[in-house]
Each structure stands twice: as C-alpha cells, then as structure tokens.
Amino acid sequence: MTIYDIIFYLFAAVTLVSGFIVVSARNVVHAAFSLMFTLFGISGLYVLLGADFIAVVQILVYVGGILILMLFGVMLTNKITSVAIKSSNIHTLPAVIGVGLFAGAITAIMIKTGWKINPSAIPETTSFTLGKTLLSEYILIFELLAMVLLIALVGAASMARRDDKTN
C-alpha cells in the first residue's frame, strides 16, 4: 500500500463519515459543518484524480459560497423556535433492509468481478493547460466576460447606493 492509497482512503473515510453525519444530525448547524467536511473530502478526491481545477472550484463555489450562505441563513433565522419538526422512526426498518440489500448486492459485485489492475502514474495537473487555453485561444471571450462582470458590479453598487428620495 502506497502513500497515495493511504491518502485516498483517508479522504474517502472523511467523505463517508461526514456525509453520514449530514444525514443523521438533528442540529442544522452541525449538519452544515459536516457538509463542509464532506465537500472538502470530495475536493481531495478530485486532487487525487488529477483534476485540480475542479477541486479548487469545488472549494470556492460550494464551500466558499453555497455553504456559507446556508450557514448565514440558518444563523440569521434563529427565531424559528415554534416550528414543530417531525422526527419519527416509522420507516426505519424498511430503510435498513433496503440499504442492507443494496450494500450486499454492491459488495457481491465488487468481490465477484475480475478487476484489471494496471499500475499507472499519478495523473498530471490540469490547471496549466486550462490556463494556457483560456489566455491564448479564448482571450477575447475571457476579457469580455471580465468587462461584463465589472459592469454588473458597478451597476449593483450604484443601485445599492441610490437614494430613496428619487422614487
């Protein structure tokens, strides 16, 4: 077992354990923080696959944007205490039986399949070729997109600073 395999199993364990905590936590804040570890684990798996650009986008978009937005939404709506939350265990037994059958089928398939094992090199990173392509073939589109985003930012800032007396 190489260090690459150990790191893979570490990221897989973090992803699976924190994913289980996400679906089983009763506290929304604990579930959101566990979701953060799940997304970091998936990002680590992307790095091991050689898709470093997708790993960075995963962290920036999901952890940096969506998860923080969810946490702010939960923390700013703390006045919702009178809402009754149902947490019955009525369908637990059928769910456990279904998951057990599915896990057994997957395990049987994994054991009985004759897997081809070919040693291969660790994949190279993708950000260099992506950056080279963006700044050589698609430079005009890249710069136009930057200008459109700048105009949208200036427009949003001017709309936010507009006085209410004009309306």
N, C-alpha and C. Protein backbone atom coordinates (compact mmCIF):
# COMPACT_ATOMS: atom_id res chain seq x y z
N MET A 1 0.85 -1.18 0.00
CA MET A 1 0.00 0.00 0.00
C MET A 1 0.90 1.24 0.00
N THR A 2 0.67 2.10 -0.97
CA THR A 2 1.49 3.29 -1.11
C THR A 2 0.87 4.46 -0.34
N ILE A 3 1.60 5.55 -0.27
CA ILE A 3 1.09 6.75 0.40
C ILE A 3 -0.11 7.31 -0.35
N TYR A 4 -0.12 7.13 -1.66
CA TYR A 4 -1.25 7.57 -2.49
C TYR A 4 -2.53 6.83 -2.08
N ASP A 5 -2.41 5.53 -1.83
CA ASP A 5 -3.57 4.74 -1.40
C ASP A 5 -4.04 5.16 -0.01
N ILE A 6 -3.10 5.42 0.88
CA ILE A 6 -3.46 5.84 2.24
C ILE A 6 -4.20 7.17 2.22
N ILE A 7 -3.71 8.10 1.41
CA ILE A 7 -4.38 9.41 1.30
C ILE A 7 -5.77 9.25 0.70
N PHE A 8 -5.90 8.35 -0.30
CA PHE A 8 -7.22 8.10 -0.89
C PHE A 8 -8.19 7.57 0.16
N TYR A 9 -7.76 6.57 0.93
CA TYR A 9 -8.65 6.01 1.94
C TYR A 9 -8.98 7.02 3.03
N LEU A 10 -8.04 7.90 3.35
CA LEU A 10 -8.30 8.95 4.33
C LEU A 10 -9.38 9.91 3.83
N PHE A 11 -9.25 10.38 2.58
CA PHE A 11 -10.27 11.27 2.02
C PHE A 11 -11.62 10.56 1.87
N ALA A 12 -11.59 9.29 1.48
CA ALA A 12 -12.84 8.54 1.35
C ALA A 12 -13.52 8.38 2.70
N ALA A 13 -12.74 8.10 3.75
CA ALA A 13 -13.32 7.96 5.09
C ALA A 13 -13.90 9.28 5.59
N VAL A 14 -13.17 10.37 5.39
CA VAL A 14 -13.68 11.68 5.80
C VAL A 14 -14.98 12.00 5.07
N THR A 15 -15.03 11.71 3.78
CA THR A 15 -16.23 12.00 2.99
C THR A 15 -17.41 11.15 3.46
N LEU A 16 -17.19 9.87 3.67
CA LEU A 16 -18.29 8.99 4.07
C LEU A 16 -18.78 9.27 5.48
N VAL A 17 -17.86 9.45 6.42
CA VAL A 17 -18.27 9.68 7.82
C VAL A 17 -18.99 11.02 7.95
N SER A 18 -18.44 12.06 7.35
CA SER A 18 -19.11 13.36 7.46
C SER A 18 -20.41 13.39 6.67
N GLY A 19 -20.49 12.65 5.57
CA GLY A 19 -21.75 12.54 4.85
C GLY A 19 -22.82 11.85 5.67
N PHE A 20 -22.42 10.80 6.44
CA PHE A 20 -23.37 10.15 7.33
C PHE A 20 -23.84 11.10 8.42
N ILE A 21 -22.93 11.92 8.94
CA ILE A 21 -23.32 12.89 9.97
C ILE A 21 -24.28 13.92 9.39
N VAL A 22 -24.09 14.30 8.12
CA VAL A 22 -25.00 15.27 7.49
C VAL A 22 -26.43 14.76 7.50
N VAL A 23 -26.62 13.51 7.14
CA VAL A 23 -27.99 12.99 7.04
C VAL A 23 -28.55 12.53 8.37
N SER A 24 -27.72 12.35 9.39
CA SER A 24 -28.23 11.87 10.65
C SER A 24 -28.24 12.92 11.75
N ALA A 25 -27.67 14.08 11.53
CA ALA A 25 -27.62 15.12 12.57
C ALA A 25 -28.99 15.76 12.77
N ARG A 26 -29.32 16.03 14.01
CA ARG A 26 -30.59 16.69 14.32
C ARG A 26 -30.43 18.20 14.35
N ASN A 27 -29.21 18.67 14.55
CA ASN A 27 -28.93 20.11 14.57
C ASN A 27 -28.50 20.54 13.17
N VAL A 28 -29.14 21.58 12.65
CA VAL A 28 -28.87 22.03 11.29
C VAL A 28 -27.45 22.58 11.16
N VAL A 29 -26.96 23.25 12.19
CA VAL A 29 -25.61 23.82 12.14
C VAL A 29 -24.57 22.70 12.11
N HIS A 30 -24.79 21.65 12.91
CA HIS A 30 -23.86 20.51 12.87
C HIS A 30 -23.88 19.83 11.51
N ALA A 31 -25.06 19.72 10.92
CA ALA A 31 -25.16 19.12 9.58
C ALA A 31 -24.44 19.97 8.55
N ALA A 32 -24.54 21.29 8.66
CA ALA A 32 -23.88 22.17 7.70
C ALA A 32 -22.36 22.09 7.84
N PHE A 33 -21.86 22.03 9.06
CA PHE A 33 -20.41 21.90 9.23
C PHE A 33 -19.92 20.52 8.76
N SER A 34 -20.72 19.50 8.96
CA SER A 34 -20.34 18.18 8.43
C SER A 34 -20.36 18.19 6.91
N LEU A 35 -21.30 18.94 6.33
CA LEU A 35 -21.33 19.07 4.87
C LEU A 35 -20.05 19.74 4.36
N MET A 36 -19.51 20.67 5.14
CA MET A 36 -18.25 21.31 4.76
C MET A 36 -17.13 20.27 4.68
N PHE A 37 -17.05 19.37 5.67
CA PHE A 37 -16.02 18.33 5.62
C PHE A 37 -16.26 17.36 4.48
N THR A 38 -17.52 17.08 4.17
CA THR A 38 -17.84 16.22 3.03
C THR A 38 -17.34 16.84 1.73
N LEU A 39 -17.61 18.13 1.56
CA LEU A 39 -17.18 18.81 0.34
C LEU A 39 -15.66 18.91 0.25
N PHE A 40 -14.98 19.10 1.40
CA PHE A 40 -13.51 19.09 1.39
C PHE A 40 -12.97 17.71 1.03
N GLY A 41 -13.61 16.65 1.52
CA GLY A 41 -13.19 15.30 1.18
C GLY A 41 -13.34 15.01 -0.30
N ILE A 42 -14.44 15.45 -0.88
CA ILE A 42 -14.65 15.28 -2.32
C ILE A 42 -13.61 16.07 -3.10
N SER A 43 -13.29 17.25 -2.61
CA SER A 43 -12.26 18.06 -3.27
C SER A 43 -10.90 17.36 -3.22
N GLY A 44 -10.60 16.73 -2.10
CA GLY A 44 -9.35 15.96 -2.01
C GLY A 44 -9.32 14.79 -2.98
N LEU A 45 -10.46 14.15 -3.17
CA LEU A 45 -10.53 13.06 -4.16
C LEU A 45 -10.32 13.59 -5.57
N TYR A 46 -10.83 14.79 -5.85
CA TYR A 46 -10.58 15.39 -7.16
C TYR A 46 -9.09 15.65 -7.37
N VAL A 47 -8.42 16.10 -6.33
CA VAL A 47 -6.97 16.34 -6.45
C VAL A 47 -6.24 15.04 -6.74
N LEU A 48 -6.65 13.96 -6.08
CA LEU A 48 -6.00 12.67 -6.33
C LEU A 48 -6.26 12.17 -7.74
N LEU A 49 -7.37 12.57 -8.34
CA LEU A 49 -7.66 12.18 -9.72
C LEU A 49 -6.94 13.04 -10.74
N GLY A 50 -6.27 14.10 -10.28
CA GLY A 50 -5.55 14.97 -11.19
C GLY A 50 -6.40 16.11 -11.70
N ALA A 51 -7.59 16.30 -11.17
CA ALA A 51 -8.48 17.38 -11.59
C ALA A 51 -8.39 18.51 -10.58
N ASP A 52 -7.23 19.15 -10.53
CA ASP A 52 -7.01 20.18 -9.52
C ASP A 52 -7.89 21.41 -9.73
N PHE A 53 -8.20 21.74 -10.97
CA PHE A 53 -9.06 22.89 -11.24
C PHE A 53 -10.46 22.65 -10.67
N ILE A 54 -11.00 21.45 -10.89
CA ILE A 54 -12.33 21.13 -10.36
C ILE A 54 -12.29 21.11 -8.84
N ALA A 55 -11.19 20.68 -8.24
CA ALA A 55 -11.07 20.69 -6.78
C ALA A 55 -11.11 22.11 -6.23
N VAL A 56 -10.41 23.03 -6.88
CA VAL A 56 -10.42 24.43 -6.44
C VAL A 56 -11.80 25.04 -6.63
N VAL A 57 -12.44 24.75 -7.75
CA VAL A 57 -13.79 25.26 -7.99
C VAL A 57 -14.76 24.68 -6.96
N GLN A 58 -14.59 23.43 -6.60
CA GLN A 58 -15.42 22.80 -5.57
C GLN A 58 -15.31 23.56 -4.26
N ILE A 59 -14.10 23.90 -3.87
CA ILE A 59 -13.91 24.62 -2.61
C ILE A 59 -14.46 26.04 -2.71
N LEU A 60 -14.15 26.74 -3.81
CA LEU A 60 -14.60 28.12 -3.94
C LEU A 60 -16.11 28.24 -4.04
N VAL A 61 -16.73 27.42 -4.87
CA VAL A 61 -18.17 27.57 -5.12
C VAL A 61 -18.99 26.96 -3.99
N TYR A 62 -18.72 25.70 -3.67
CA TYR A 62 -19.57 25.02 -2.71
C TYR A 62 -19.25 25.39 -1.27
N VAL A 63 -17.98 25.29 -0.88
CA VAL A 63 -17.63 25.61 0.50
C VAL A 63 -17.63 27.12 0.71
N GLY A 64 -17.04 27.86 -0.20
CA GLY A 64 -16.93 29.30 -0.02
C GLY A 64 -18.21 30.06 -0.28
N GLY A 65 -19.07 29.54 -1.12
CA GLY A 65 -20.27 30.28 -1.46
C GLY A 65 -21.54 29.70 -0.89
N ILE A 66 -21.90 28.54 -1.35
CA ILE A 66 -23.20 27.97 -1.01
C ILE A 66 -23.26 27.58 0.46
N LEU A 67 -22.23 26.94 0.99
CA LEU A 67 -22.27 26.51 2.38
C LEU A 67 -22.29 27.69 3.34
N ILE A 68 -21.50 28.71 3.05
CA ILE A 68 -21.51 29.91 3.90
C ILE A 68 -22.86 30.59 3.83
N LEU A 69 -23.47 30.62 2.66
CA LEU A 69 -24.82 31.19 2.52
C LEU A 69 -25.82 30.39 3.35
N MET A 70 -25.72 29.07 3.34
CA MET A 70 -26.61 28.25 4.16
C MET A 70 -26.40 28.52 5.64
N LEU A 71 -25.16 28.63 6.07
CA LEU A 71 -24.89 28.89 7.49
C LEU A 71 -25.43 30.26 7.91
N PHE A 72 -25.24 31.29 7.07
CA PHE A 72 -25.80 32.59 7.40
C PHE A 72 -27.32 32.53 7.46
N GLY A 73 -27.92 31.81 6.53
CA GLY A 73 -29.38 31.68 6.54
C GLY A 73 -29.88 31.00 7.80
N VAL A 74 -29.19 29.97 8.24
CA VAL A 74 -29.60 29.27 9.46
C VAL A 74 -29.37 30.14 10.68
N MET A 75 -28.23 30.81 10.73
CA MET A 75 -27.92 31.60 11.92
C MET A 75 -28.75 32.88 12.01
N LEU A 76 -29.18 33.42 10.88
CA LEU A 76 -29.99 34.63 10.91
C LEU A 76 -31.47 34.34 11.17
N THR A 77 -31.88 33.10 11.01
CA THR A 77 -33.28 32.75 11.26
C THR A 77 -33.40 31.92 12.52
N ASN A 78 -32.75 32.36 13.59
CA ASN A 78 -32.80 31.61 14.83
C ASN A 78 -34.08 31.85 15.62
N LYS A 79 -34.96 32.72 15.16
CA LYS A 79 -36.21 33.00 15.85
C LYS A 79 -37.28 31.95 15.56
N ILE A 80 -36.98 30.98 14.73
CA ILE A 80 -37.96 29.97 14.37
C ILE A 80 -37.86 28.83 15.39
N THR A 81 -38.45 29.06 16.55
CA THR A 81 -38.40 28.03 17.58
C THR A 81 -39.74 27.34 17.76
N SER A 82 -40.81 27.92 17.26
CA SER A 82 -42.12 27.32 17.47
C SER A 82 -42.51 26.35 16.36
N VAL A 83 -41.66 26.09 15.43
CA VAL A 83 -41.96 25.17 14.34
C VAL A 83 -41.78 23.74 14.83
N ALA A 84 -42.79 22.92 14.65
CA ALA A 84 -42.71 21.53 15.06
C ALA A 84 -42.01 20.72 13.98
N ILE A 85 -40.94 20.03 14.35
CA ILE A 85 -40.18 19.22 13.40
C ILE A 85 -40.50 17.77 13.68
N LYS A 86 -40.98 17.06 12.66
CA LYS A 86 -41.30 15.65 12.82
C LYS A 86 -40.03 14.83 12.68
N SER A 87 -39.83 13.95 13.62
CA SER A 87 -38.68 13.05 13.53
C SER A 87 -39.13 11.66 13.99
N SER A 88 -39.99 11.06 13.20
CA SER A 88 -40.49 9.74 13.55
C SER A 88 -39.60 8.65 12.95
N ASN A 89 -39.66 7.50 13.55
CA ASN A 89 -38.85 6.38 13.09
C ASN A 89 -39.73 5.31 12.44
N ILE A 90 -40.76 5.75 11.75
CA ILE A 90 -41.74 4.82 11.20
C ILE A 90 -41.17 3.99 10.06
N HIS A 91 -40.32 4.54 9.25
CA HIS A 91 -39.81 3.84 8.07
C HIS A 91 -38.35 3.41 8.25
N THR A 92 -37.90 3.30 9.46
CA THR A 92 -36.51 2.94 9.70
C THR A 92 -36.22 1.49 9.30
N LEU A 93 -37.07 0.57 9.68
CA LEU A 93 -36.83 -0.84 9.38
C LEU A 93 -36.82 -1.12 7.87
N PRO A 94 -37.80 -0.63 7.09
CA PRO A 94 -37.71 -0.84 5.63
C PRO A 94 -36.48 -0.18 5.02
N ALA A 95 -36.08 0.97 5.54
CA ALA A 95 -34.90 1.65 5.01
C ALA A 95 -33.64 0.84 5.30
N VAL A 96 -33.53 0.30 6.51
CA VAL A 96 -32.35 -0.50 6.86
C VAL A 96 -32.30 -1.77 6.01
N ILE A 97 -33.46 -2.40 5.79
CA ILE A 97 -33.50 -3.60 4.95
C ILE A 97 -33.10 -3.26 3.51
N GLY A 98 -33.62 -2.17 2.98
CA GLY A 98 -33.29 -1.76 1.61
C GLY A 98 -31.82 -1.42 1.45
N VAL A 99 -31.26 -0.67 2.39
CA VAL A 99 -29.85 -0.31 2.32
C VAL A 99 -28.98 -1.55 2.49
N GLY A 100 -29.37 -2.47 3.36
CA GLY A 100 -28.62 -3.71 3.55
C GLY A 100 -28.59 -4.55 2.29
N LEU A 101 -29.76 -4.68 1.63
CA LEU A 101 -29.80 -5.44 0.37
C LEU A 101 -28.95 -4.78 -0.72
N PHE A 102 -29.05 -3.46 -0.80
CA PHE A 102 -28.26 -2.73 -1.80
C PHE A 102 -26.76 -2.87 -1.52
N ALA A 103 -26.36 -2.73 -0.26
CA ALA A 103 -24.94 -2.86 0.10
C ALA A 103 -24.46 -4.28 -0.15
N GLY A 104 -25.30 -5.27 0.12
CA GLY A 104 -24.92 -6.65 -0.15
C GLY A 104 -24.73 -6.91 -1.63
N ALA A 105 -25.63 -6.36 -2.45
CA ALA A 105 -25.50 -6.54 -3.90
C ALA A 105 -24.24 -5.86 -4.42
N ILE A 106 -23.97 -4.66 -3.96
CA ILE A 106 -22.75 -3.94 -4.39
C ILE A 106 -21.49 -4.70 -3.95
N THR A 107 -21.50 -5.20 -2.71
CA THR A 107 -20.34 -5.95 -2.21
C THR A 107 -20.13 -7.22 -3.01
N ALA A 108 -21.21 -7.94 -3.33
CA ALA A 108 -21.10 -9.16 -4.13
C ALA A 108 -20.55 -8.86 -5.52
N ILE A 109 -21.01 -7.78 -6.12
CA ILE A 109 -20.50 -7.40 -7.44
C ILE A 109 -19.02 -7.05 -7.36
N MET A 110 -18.63 -6.33 -6.31
CA MET A 110 -17.22 -5.95 -6.18
C MET A 110 -16.32 -7.16 -5.98
N ILE A 111 -16.80 -8.15 -5.22
CA ILE A 111 -15.96 -9.32 -4.92
C ILE A 111 -15.88 -10.25 -6.12
N LYS A 112 -16.97 -10.44 -6.85
CA LYS A 112 -17.01 -11.43 -7.93
C LYS A 112 -16.49 -10.90 -9.27
N THR A 113 -16.27 -9.60 -9.38
CA THR A 113 -15.79 -9.03 -10.63
C THR A 113 -14.28 -9.22 -10.74
N GLY A 114 -13.83 -9.64 -11.92
CA GLY A 114 -12.40 -9.77 -12.17
C GLY A 114 -11.83 -8.41 -12.61
N TRP A 115 -11.32 -7.68 -11.65
CA TRP A 115 -10.83 -6.34 -11.93
C TRP A 115 -9.46 -6.40 -12.58
N LYS A 116 -9.25 -5.57 -13.60
CA LYS A 116 -7.94 -5.46 -14.23
C LYS A 116 -7.17 -4.38 -13.48
N ILE A 117 -6.01 -4.75 -13.00
CA ILE A 117 -5.19 -3.81 -12.24
C ILE A 117 -3.97 -3.47 -13.07
N ASN A 118 -3.90 -2.25 -13.53
CA ASN A 118 -2.76 -1.78 -14.30
C ASN A 118 -2.09 -0.65 -13.52
N PRO A 119 -0.84 -0.84 -13.14
CA PRO A 119 -0.17 0.26 -12.45
C PRO A 119 0.00 1.44 -13.39
N SER A 120 -0.35 2.62 -12.90
CA SER A 120 -0.23 3.81 -13.73
C SER A 120 0.39 4.94 -12.91
N ALA A 121 0.84 5.92 -13.62
CA ALA A 121 1.46 7.07 -12.97
C ALA A 121 0.37 7.98 -12.39
N ILE A 122 0.77 8.79 -11.44
CA ILE A 122 -0.16 9.76 -10.87
C ILE A 122 -0.50 10.77 -11.95
N PRO A 123 -1.79 11.08 -12.14
CA PRO A 123 -2.16 11.99 -13.22
C PRO A 123 -1.57 13.39 -13.04
N GLU A 124 -1.31 14.03 -14.18
CA GLU A 124 -0.77 15.38 -14.15
C GLU A 124 -1.88 16.39 -13.89
N THR A 125 -1.49 17.58 -13.49
CA THR A 125 -2.48 18.61 -13.18
C THR A 125 -3.07 19.18 -14.47
N THR A 126 -4.25 19.74 -14.33
CA THR A 126 -4.98 20.26 -15.49
C THR A 126 -5.01 21.78 -15.56
N SER A 127 -4.59 22.45 -14.51
CA SER A 127 -4.74 23.90 -14.49
C SER A 127 -3.80 24.60 -15.48
N PHE A 128 -2.63 24.03 -15.75
CA PHE A 128 -1.71 24.67 -16.68
C PHE A 128 -2.30 24.71 -18.09
N THR A 129 -2.79 23.57 -18.56
CA THR A 129 -3.35 23.54 -19.92
C THR A 129 -4.63 24.35 -20.00
N LEU A 130 -5.42 24.36 -18.93
CA LEU A 130 -6.64 25.16 -18.92
C LEU A 130 -6.30 26.66 -18.97
N GLY A 131 -5.33 27.08 -18.18
CA GLY A 131 -4.92 28.49 -18.20
C GLY A 131 -4.31 28.90 -19.53
N LYS A 132 -3.52 28.02 -20.12
CA LYS A 132 -2.92 28.30 -21.42
C LYS A 132 -3.99 28.44 -22.49
N THR A 133 -5.01 27.58 -22.44
CA THR A 133 -6.11 27.65 -23.41
C THR A 133 -6.93 28.92 -23.22
N LEU A 134 -7.21 29.26 -21.96
CA LEU A 134 -8.01 30.47 -21.70
C LEU A 134 -7.28 31.74 -22.15
N LEU A 135 -5.98 31.78 -21.98
CA LEU A 135 -5.23 33.00 -22.29
C LEU A 135 -4.60 32.99 -23.67
N SER A 136 -4.89 31.99 -24.49
CA SER A 136 -4.39 32.01 -25.86
C SER A 136 -5.55 31.92 -26.85
N GLU A 137 -6.34 30.86 -26.81
CA GLU A 137 -7.41 30.69 -27.79
C GLU A 137 -8.66 31.50 -27.44
N TYR A 138 -8.98 31.60 -26.17
CA TYR A 138 -10.23 32.24 -25.75
C TYR A 138 -9.99 33.56 -25.02
N ILE A 139 -8.94 34.28 -25.38
CA ILE A 139 -8.59 35.50 -24.66
C ILE A 139 -9.64 36.59 -24.84
N LEU A 140 -10.22 36.72 -26.04
CA LEU A 140 -11.23 37.75 -26.27
C LEU A 140 -12.48 37.50 -25.44
N ILE A 141 -12.94 36.27 -25.43
CA ILE A 141 -14.12 35.92 -24.62
C ILE A 141 -13.82 36.09 -23.14
N PHE A 142 -12.63 35.73 -22.72
CA PHE A 142 -12.22 35.86 -21.32
C PHE A 142 -12.23 37.33 -20.89
N GLU A 143 -11.70 38.22 -21.71
CA GLU A 143 -11.67 39.64 -21.38
C GLU A 143 -13.06 40.27 -21.45
N LEU A 144 -13.89 39.86 -22.42
CA LEU A 144 -15.25 40.38 -22.49
C LEU A 144 -16.07 39.95 -21.28
N LEU A 145 -15.88 38.74 -20.84
CA LEU A 145 -16.57 38.28 -19.64
C LEU A 145 -16.13 39.08 -18.42
N ALA A 146 -14.85 39.39 -18.32
CA ALA A 146 -14.36 40.21 -17.21
C ALA A 146 -15.00 41.60 -17.24
N MET A 147 -15.14 42.19 -18.43
CA MET A 147 -15.77 43.52 -18.53
C MET A 147 -17.26 43.46 -18.17
N VAL A 148 -17.95 42.43 -18.61
CA VAL A 148 -19.38 42.30 -18.27
C VAL A 148 -19.55 42.16 -16.76
N LEU A 149 -18.70 41.37 -16.11
CA LEU A 149 -18.79 41.21 -14.67
C LEU A 149 -18.46 42.52 -13.94
N LEU A 150 -17.50 43.28 -14.45
CA LEU A 150 -17.17 44.58 -13.85
C LEU A 150 -18.33 45.55 -14.00
N ILE A 151 -18.96 45.59 -15.16
CA ILE A 151 -20.11 46.47 -15.37
C ILE A 151 -21.27 46.08 -14.45
N ALA A 152 -21.48 44.77 -14.28
CA ALA A 152 -22.55 44.30 -13.39
C ALA A 152 -22.25 44.69 -11.94
N LEU A 153 -20.99 44.62 -11.53
CA LEU A 153 -20.60 45.00 -10.18
C LEU A 153 -20.80 46.49 -9.95
N VAL A 154 -20.39 47.32 -10.90
CA VAL A 154 -20.57 48.77 -10.77
C VAL A 154 -22.06 49.12 -10.76
N GLY A 155 -22.85 48.45 -11.61
CA GLY A 155 -24.29 48.70 -11.63
C GLY A 155 -24.96 48.30 -10.33
N ALA A 156 -24.57 47.17 -9.77
CA ALA A 156 -25.15 46.75 -8.49
C ALA A 156 -24.77 47.69 -7.37
N ALA A 157 -23.52 48.18 -7.38
CA ALA A 157 -23.09 49.12 -6.34
C ALA A 157 -23.83 50.45 -6.47
N SER A 158 -24.04 50.93 -7.69
CA SER A 158 -24.75 52.20 -7.86
C SER A 158 -26.23 52.06 -7.51
N MET A 159 -26.83 50.91 -7.77
CA MET A 159 -28.22 50.70 -7.39
C MET A 159 -28.37 50.60 -5.88
N ALA A 160 -27.38 50.04 -5.21
CA ALA A 160 -27.43 49.92 -3.76
C ALA A 160 -27.24 51.26 -3.07
N ARG A 161 -26.53 52.17 -3.68
CA ARG A 161 -26.25 53.47 -3.07
C ARG A 161 -27.27 54.53 -3.46
N ARG A 162 -28.21 54.22 -4.34
CA ARG A 162 -29.19 55.18 -4.80
C ARG A 162 -30.09 55.60 -3.65
N ASP A 163 -30.39 56.90 -3.58
CA ASP A 163 -31.28 57.43 -2.53
C ASP A 163 -32.71 57.02 -2.79
N ASP A 164 -33.49 56.86 -1.72
CA ASP A 164 -34.89 56.52 -1.86
C ASP A 164 -35.74 57.75 -2.20
N LYS A 165 -35.17 58.95 -2.18
CA LYS A 165 -35.92 60.19 -2.47
C LYS A 165 -36.29 60.30 -3.94
N THR A 166 -35.57 59.63 -4.82
CA THR A 166 -35.83 59.73 -6.26
C THR A 166 -37.05 58.91 -6.66
N ASN A 167 -37.47 57.97 -5.87
CA ASN A 167 -38.61 57.12 -6.22
C ASN A 167 -39.91 57.69 -5.79
